[in-house]
Amino acid sequence: MLHVSKLLWPMMLIGVAEAAATPATRYLPTCELKVGSNYREWVFLSSGLDMNYFASAPVAIEHSFDNVFVDPVSWRAFKATGHWPQGTIFAKEGRHGATGGSINDSGQFQSGEPEYLELHVRDRRFPSGWGFFEVEGNKPAKVLPTSAHCYSCHQQHAAVETTFVQFYPTAKPIAKKAGTFDASK
C-alpha cells in the first residue's frame, strides 16, 4: 500500500509536473492557494491596457495594465495539444499605467507594485472544472464562490476552455490550428 505524506498530498491535487515547475505556488490543506512571486517567471501571454468587460462601467481616471502569465508546464502542453491540462494556473496582475517618467514624452508604461493578483486554476474539484482565486497581500488565496461574475463571463465569452485565448496573440494561432478555438467569442 502506498502512503502519501501530509506534506505531499496538497501538491498532488494539481499534478506533480505542475508542482515541480511552480514550487512557490501550492495548495494548502484548506484548499487555499499559497502564491509565490515566481509567477512572473512563467510564460507571459499578454498585457491589456484599460480593458473593461462591462459597457456601463465608468471610464477609468487612471490607466491600468493587466498582465497574464501561465505556468510553463501547462504552456508546453497547450502548445502540443491546444488544450489546457489539469493543474493549469493563470496569474493576472494589474499595474498602474503612467505617462510621465524618465524620457517618456507620450504613451503609457507600467509603474509601481501590482494593484491586484487573480488566479484561474484548472481543477476537477470545481463545478466548471476551473476555479477563480483573488490574492490579498501575502495571505493565501481563497477560491471565489461560483456566484462570482468571473465564472459566467468566462463560460460565455472565453474562446478556449474558459480562457480568453482570443486576447493572447501567441496562444490564439495554436488553438486555431488545434481546432480548439471558438471564433464566435
C-alpha atoms as a PDB file:
ATOM      1  CA  MET A   1       0.000   0.000   0.000  1.00  0.00           C
ATOM      2  CA  LEU A   2       1.325   3.447  -0.943  1.00  0.00           C
ATOM      3  CA  HIS A   3       1.176   6.122   1.735  1.00  0.00           C
ATOM      4  CA  VAL A   4       1.446   9.786   0.835  1.00  0.00           C
ATOM      5  CA  SER A   5       2.756  12.136   3.473  1.00  0.00           C
ATOM      6  CA  LYS A   6       0.562  15.011   4.598  1.00  0.00           C
ATOM      7  CA  LEU A   7       3.181  17.385   3.208  1.00  0.00           C
ATOM      8  CA  LEU A   8       2.920  15.963  -0.306  1.00  0.00           C
ATOM      9  CA  TRP A   9      -0.802  15.370  -0.784  1.00  0.00           C
ATOM     10  CA  PRO A  10      -1.738  19.028  -1.442  1.00  0.00           C
ATOM     11  CA  MET A  11       0.753  19.138  -4.311  1.00  0.00           C
ATOM     12  CA  MET A  12      -0.797  16.050  -5.863  1.00  0.00           C
ATOM     13  CA  LEU A  13      -4.123  17.849  -6.161  1.00  0.00           C
ATOM     14  CA  ILE A  14      -2.899  19.942  -9.052  1.00  0.00           C
ATOM     15  CA  GLY A  15      -0.445  17.485 -10.547  1.00  0.00           C
ATOM     16  CA  VAL A  16       3.124  16.523  -9.878  1.00  0.00           C
ATOM     17  CA  ALA A  17       4.513  18.028 -13.071  1.00  0.00           C
ATOM     18  CA  GLU A  18       2.862  21.404 -12.419  1.00  0.00           C
ATOM     19  CA  ALA A  19       4.012  21.396  -8.807  1.00  0.00           C
ATOM     20  CA  ALA A  20       7.606  20.751  -9.815  1.00  0.00           C
ATOM     21  CA  ALA A  21       7.523  23.641 -12.274  1.00  0.00           C
ATOM     22  CA  THR A  22       5.955  26.101  -9.847  1.00  0.00           C
ATOM     23  CA  PRO A  23       7.264  25.278  -6.368  1.00  0.00           C
ATOM     24  CA  ALA A  24       6.166  28.543  -4.790  1.00  0.00           C
ATOM     25  CA  THR A  25       2.508  28.168  -5.815  1.00  0.00           C
ATOM     26  CA  ARG A  26       0.761  25.360  -3.997  1.00  0.00           C
ATOM     27  CA  TYR A  27      -2.487  24.260  -2.394  1.00  0.00           C
ATOM     28  CA  LEU A  28      -2.695  24.335   1.359  1.00  0.00           C
ATOM     29  CA  PRO A  29      -4.701  21.713   3.297  1.00  0.00           C
ATOM     30  CA  THR A  30      -7.521  24.315   3.465  1.00  0.00           C
ATOM     31  CA  CYS A  31      -7.737  24.334  -0.384  1.00  0.00           C
ATOM     32  CA  GLU A  32      -6.424  27.873  -0.423  1.00  0.00           C
ATOM     33  CA  LEU A  33      -3.511  28.683  -2.727  1.00  0.00           C
ATOM     34  CA  LYS A  34      -0.188  29.945  -1.466  1.00  0.00           C
ATOM     35  CA  VAL A  35       1.248  32.092  -4.230  1.00  0.00           C
ATOM     36  CA  GLY A  36       4.889  32.969  -4.571  1.00  0.00           C
ATOM     37  CA  SER A  37       6.325  35.780  -6.649  1.00  0.00           C
ATOM     38  CA  ASN A  38       7.731  33.272  -9.146  1.00  0.00           C
ATOM     39  CA  TYR A  39       4.626  33.608 -11.328  1.00  0.00           C
ATOM     40  CA  ARG A  40       6.446  36.498 -13.041  1.00  0.00           C
ATOM     41  CA  GLU A  41       8.944  33.893 -14.303  1.00  0.00           C
ATOM     42  CA  TRP A  42       6.144  31.945 -16.000  1.00  0.00           C
ATOM     43  CA  VAL A  43       5.209  32.327 -19.669  1.00  0.00           C
ATOM     44  CA  PHE A  44       3.958  35.847 -20.389  1.00  0.00           C
ATOM     45  CA  LEU A  45       0.833  35.651 -22.570  1.00  0.00           C
ATOM     46  CA  SER A  46      -0.352  39.228 -22.924  1.00  0.00           C
ATOM     47  CA  SER A  47      -0.876  42.660 -21.469  1.00  0.00           C
ATOM     48  CA  GLY A  48      -4.071  44.639 -21.873  1.00  0.00           C
ATOM     49  CA  LEU A  49      -4.450  48.374 -21.313  1.00  0.00           C
ATOM     50  CA  ASP A  50      -7.658  49.679 -19.700  1.00  0.00           C
ATOM     51  CA  MET A  51      -9.649  46.550 -20.620  1.00  0.00           C
ATOM     52  CA  ASN A  52     -13.245  46.685 -19.421  1.00  0.00           C
ATOM     53  CA  TYR A  53     -15.833  43.899 -19.703  1.00  0.00           C
ATOM     54  CA  PHE A  54     -18.843  45.991 -18.682  1.00  0.00           C
ATOM     55  CA  ALA A  55     -20.306  48.586 -21.060  1.00  0.00           C
ATOM     56  CA  SER A  56     -21.832  50.524 -18.163  1.00  0.00           C
ATOM     57  CA  ALA A  57     -18.599  50.797 -16.156  1.00  0.00           C
ATOM     58  CA  PRO A  58     -17.275  54.318 -15.640  1.00  0.00           C
ATOM     59  CA  VAL A  59     -14.253  55.433 -17.629  1.00  0.00           C
ATOM     60  CA  ALA A  60     -11.114  54.937 -15.571  1.00  0.00           C
ATOM     61  CA  ILE A  61      -9.349  58.081 -14.409  1.00  0.00           C
ATOM     62  CA  GLU A  62      -6.061  56.215 -14.022  1.00  0.00           C
ATOM     63  CA  HIS A  63      -4.808  53.796 -16.648  1.00  0.00           C
ATOM     64  CA  SER A  64      -4.322  50.147 -15.771  1.00  0.00           C
ATOM     65  CA  PHE A  65      -2.447  47.250 -17.370  1.00  0.00           C
ATOM     66  CA  ASP A  66      -3.442  43.589 -16.965  1.00  0.00           C
ATOM     67  CA  ASN A  67      -0.511  41.168 -17.349  1.00  0.00           C
ATOM     68  CA  VAL A  68      -1.335  37.494 -17.880  1.00  0.00           C
ATOM     69  CA  PHE A  69       1.071  34.629 -17.156  1.00  0.00           C
ATOM     70  CA  VAL A  70       0.638  30.827 -17.336  1.00  0.00           C
ATOM     71  CA  ASP A  71       2.739  28.154 -15.681  1.00  0.00           C
ATOM     72  CA  PRO A  72       5.383  26.728 -18.048  1.00  0.00           C
ATOM     73  CA  VAL A  73       4.321  23.059 -17.836  1.00  0.00           C
ATOM     74  CA  SER A  74       0.780  23.942 -18.929  1.00  0.00           C
ATOM     75  CA  TRP A  75       2.083  26.176 -21.717  1.00  0.00           C
ATOM     76  CA  ARG A  76       4.141  23.296 -23.138  1.00  0.00           C
ATOM     77  CA  ALA A  77       1.073  21.041 -23.058  1.00  0.00           C
ATOM     78  CA  PHE A  78      -1.074  23.723 -24.697  1.00  0.00           C
ATOM     79  CA  LYS A  79       1.461  24.225 -27.487  1.00  0.00           C
ATOM     80  CA  ALA A  80       1.368  20.485 -28.198  1.00  0.00           C
ATOM     81  CA  THR A  81      -2.408  19.937 -27.984  1.00  0.00           C
ATOM     82  CA  GLY A  82      -4.339  23.228 -27.973  1.00  0.00           C
ATOM     83  CA  HIS A  83      -5.847  22.209 -24.607  1.00  0.00           C
ATOM     84  CA  TRP A  84      -5.068  23.437 -21.097  1.00  0.00           C
ATOM     85  CA  PRO A  85      -4.176  20.429 -18.922  1.00  0.00           C
ATOM     86  CA  GLN A  86      -5.382  19.637 -15.424  1.00  0.00           C
ATOM     87  CA  GLY A  87      -3.403  21.808 -12.977  1.00  0.00           C
ATOM     88  CA  THR A  88      -3.059  24.823 -15.289  1.00  0.00           C
ATOM     89  CA  ILE A  89      -2.632  28.073 -13.379  1.00  0.00           C
ATOM     90  CA  PHE A  90      -3.061  31.510 -14.931  1.00  0.00           C
ATOM     91  CA  ALA A  91      -1.965  34.579 -12.988  1.00  0.00           C
ATOM     92  CA  LYS A  92      -3.338  38.019 -13.893  1.00  0.00           C
ATOM     93  CA  GLU A  93      -1.813  41.019 -12.197  1.00  0.00           C
ATOM     94  CA  GLY A  94      -2.883  44.622 -12.572  1.00  0.00           C
ATOM     95  CA  ARG A  95      -0.476  47.536 -12.557  1.00  0.00           C
ATOM     96  CA  HIS A  96      -0.997  51.283 -12.813  1.00  0.00           C
ATOM     97  CA  GLY A  97      -0.223  52.976 -16.089  1.00  0.00           C
ATOM     98  CA  ALA A  98       1.875  56.108 -16.101  1.00  0.00           C
ATOM     99  CA  THR A  99       2.657  58.737 -18.709  1.00  0.00           C
ATOM    100  CA  GLY A 100       5.367  60.899 -17.201  1.00  0.00           C
ATOM    101  CA  GLY A 101       8.703  59.474 -16.286  1.00  0.00           C
ATOM    102  CA  SER A 102      12.306  59.492 -17.383  1.00  0.00           C
ATOM    103  CA  ILE A 103      12.456  60.267 -21.111  1.00  0.00           C
ATOM    104  CA  ASN A 104       8.849  59.281 -21.952  1.00  0.00           C
ATOM    105  CA  ASP A 105       7.009  62.052 -23.816  1.00  0.00           C
ATOM    106  CA  SER A 106       3.909  60.099 -24.863  1.00  0.00           C
ATOM    107  CA  GLY A 107       2.198  56.765 -24.388  1.00  0.00           C
ATOM    108  CA  GLN A 108       1.800  54.564 -21.328  1.00  0.00           C
ATOM    109  CA  PHE A 109       4.137  52.380 -19.314  1.00  0.00           C
ATOM    110  CA  GLN A 110       3.586  50.224 -16.252  1.00  0.00           C
ATOM    111  CA  SER A 111       4.658  51.525 -12.876  1.00  0.00           C
ATOM    112  CA  GLY A 112       4.623  50.605  -9.226  1.00  0.00           C
ATOM    113  CA  GLU A 113       3.718  47.423  -7.443  1.00  0.00           C
ATOM    114  CA  PRO A 114       0.808  45.262  -8.646  1.00  0.00           C
ATOM    115  CA  GLU A 115      -2.653  46.562  -7.685  1.00  0.00           C
ATOM    116  CA  TYR A 116      -4.154  43.071  -7.638  1.00  0.00           C
ATOM    117  CA  LEU A 117      -3.438  39.430  -8.443  1.00  0.00           C
ATOM    118  CA  GLU A 118      -6.042  36.917  -9.616  1.00  0.00           C
ATOM    119  CA  LEU A 119      -5.616  33.222 -10.391  1.00  0.00           C
ATOM    120  CA  HIS A 120      -7.563  30.970 -12.751  1.00  0.00           C
ATOM    121  CA  VAL A 121      -6.915  27.296 -11.950  1.00  0.00           C
ATOM    122  CA  ARG A 122      -7.973  24.171 -13.839  1.00  0.00           C
ATOM    123  CA  ASP A 123      -9.033  21.613 -11.257  1.00  0.00           C
ATOM    124  CA  ARG A 124     -11.709  18.901 -11.494  1.00  0.00           C
ATOM    125  CA  ARG A 125     -12.893  19.641  -7.952  1.00  0.00           C
ATOM    126  CA  PHE A 126     -14.561  22.863  -9.098  1.00  0.00           C
ATOM    127  CA  PRO A 127     -18.048  22.562 -10.671  1.00  0.00           C
ATOM    128  CA  SER A 128     -16.958  24.072 -14.002  1.00  0.00           C
ATOM    129  CA  GLY A 129     -13.532  22.419 -13.877  1.00  0.00           C
ATOM    130  CA  TRP A 130     -11.937  25.798 -13.180  1.00  0.00           C
ATOM    131  CA  GLY A 131     -11.664  27.917 -10.034  1.00  0.00           C
ATOM    132  CA  PHE A 132     -11.002  31.622  -9.612  1.00  0.00           C
ATOM    133  CA  PHE A 133      -8.935  32.978  -6.737  1.00  0.00           C
ATOM    134  CA  GLU A 134      -8.191  36.503  -5.520  1.00  0.00           C
ATOM    135  CA  VAL A 135      -4.924  37.159  -3.742  1.00  0.00           C
ATOM    136  CA  GLU A 136      -4.850  39.705  -0.911  1.00  0.00           C
ATOM    137  CA  GLY A 137      -1.319  40.688   0.054  1.00  0.00           C
ATOM    138  CA  ASN A 138       0.671  37.775   1.423  1.00  0.00           C
ATOM    139  CA  LYS A 139      -2.413  35.844   2.559  1.00  0.00           C
ATOM    140  CA  PRO A 140      -3.271  32.514   0.913  1.00  0.00           C
ATOM    141  CA  ALA A 141      -5.726  32.994  -1.947  1.00  0.00           C
ATOM    142  CA  LYS A 142      -9.274  31.818  -1.375  1.00  0.00           C
ATOM    143  CA  VAL A 143     -11.423  30.422  -4.133  1.00  0.00           C
ATOM    144  CA  LEU A 144     -14.252  32.737  -5.170  1.00  0.00           C
ATOM    145  CA  PRO A 145     -17.809  31.407  -4.893  1.00  0.00           C
ATOM    146  CA  THR A 146     -19.331  30.124  -8.131  1.00  0.00           C
ATOM    147  CA  SER A 147     -21.779  33.050  -7.965  1.00  0.00           C
ATOM    148  CA  ALA A 148     -18.898  35.448  -8.773  1.00  0.00           C
ATOM    149  CA  HIS A 149     -19.295  37.076 -12.182  1.00  0.00           C
ATOM    150  CA  CYS A 150     -15.964  35.733 -13.481  1.00  0.00           C
ATOM    151  CA  TYR A 151     -17.374  32.187 -13.764  1.00  0.00           C
ATOM    152  CA  SER A 152     -20.320  33.065 -16.007  1.00  0.00           C
ATOM    153  CA  CYS A 153     -18.301  35.595 -18.007  1.00  0.00           C
ATOM    154  CA  HIS A 154     -15.574  33.070 -18.793  1.00  0.00           C
ATOM    155  CA  GLN A 155     -18.166  30.399 -19.664  1.00  0.00           C
ATOM    156  CA  GLN A 156     -19.942  32.767 -22.083  1.00  0.00           C
ATOM    157  CA  HIS A 157     -17.055  34.657 -23.673  1.00  0.00           C
ATOM    158  CA  ALA A 158     -13.831  32.650 -23.498  1.00  0.00           C
ATOM    159  CA  ALA A 159     -12.532  31.258 -26.776  1.00  0.00           C
ATOM    160  CA  VAL A 160     -10.758  28.153 -25.381  1.00  0.00           C
ATOM    161  CA  GLU A 161     -11.836  26.143 -22.338  1.00  0.00           C
ATOM    162  CA  THR A 162     -12.989  29.156 -20.279  1.00  0.00           C
ATOM    163  CA  THR A 163      -9.793  31.085 -21.078  1.00  0.00           C
ATOM    164  CA  PHE A 164      -9.556  34.310 -23.050  1.00  0.00           C
ATOM    165  CA  VAL A 165      -7.138  32.981 -25.664  1.00  0.00           C
ATOM    166  CA  GLN A 166      -8.624  35.500 -28.099  1.00  0.00           C
ATOM    167  CA  PHE A 167      -6.513  38.120 -26.258  1.00  0.00           C
ATOM    168  CA  TYR A 168      -3.267  36.075 -26.208  1.00  0.00           C
ATOM    169  CA  PRO A 169      -1.527  36.593 -29.563  1.00  0.00           C
ATOM    170  CA  THR A 170       0.916  33.700 -29.093  1.00  0.00           C
ATOM    171  CA  ALA A 171      -1.769  31.203 -27.998  1.00  0.00           C
ATOM    172  CA  LYS A 172      -4.518  32.080 -30.490  1.00  0.00           C
ATOM    173  CA  PRO A 173      -2.836  30.562 -33.585  1.00  0.00           C
ATOM    174  CA  ILE A 174      -2.029  27.382 -31.631  1.00  0.00           C
ATOM    175  CA  ALA A 175      -5.678  26.953 -30.642  1.00  0.00           C
ATOM    176  CA  LYS A 176      -6.864  27.685 -34.182  1.00  0.00           C
ATOM    177  CA  LYS A 177      -4.509  25.059 -35.613  1.00  0.00           C
ATOM    178  CA  ALA A 178      -5.605  22.511 -32.976  1.00  0.00           C
ATOM    179  CA  GLY A 179      -9.297  23.232 -33.646  1.00  0.00           C
ATOM    180  CA  THR A 180      -9.977  24.272 -30.034  1.00  0.00           C
ATOM    181  CA  PHE A 181     -10.568  27.966 -30.756  1.00  0.00           C
ATOM    182  CA  ASP A 182     -14.175  29.207 -30.710  1.00  0.00           C
ATOM    183  CA  ALA A 183     -14.142  32.094 -33.203  1.00  0.00           C
ATOM    184  CA  SER A 184     -17.631  33.210 -32.127  1.00  0.00           C
ATOM    185  CA  LYS A 185     -16.182  34.587 -28.874  1.00  0.00           C
END
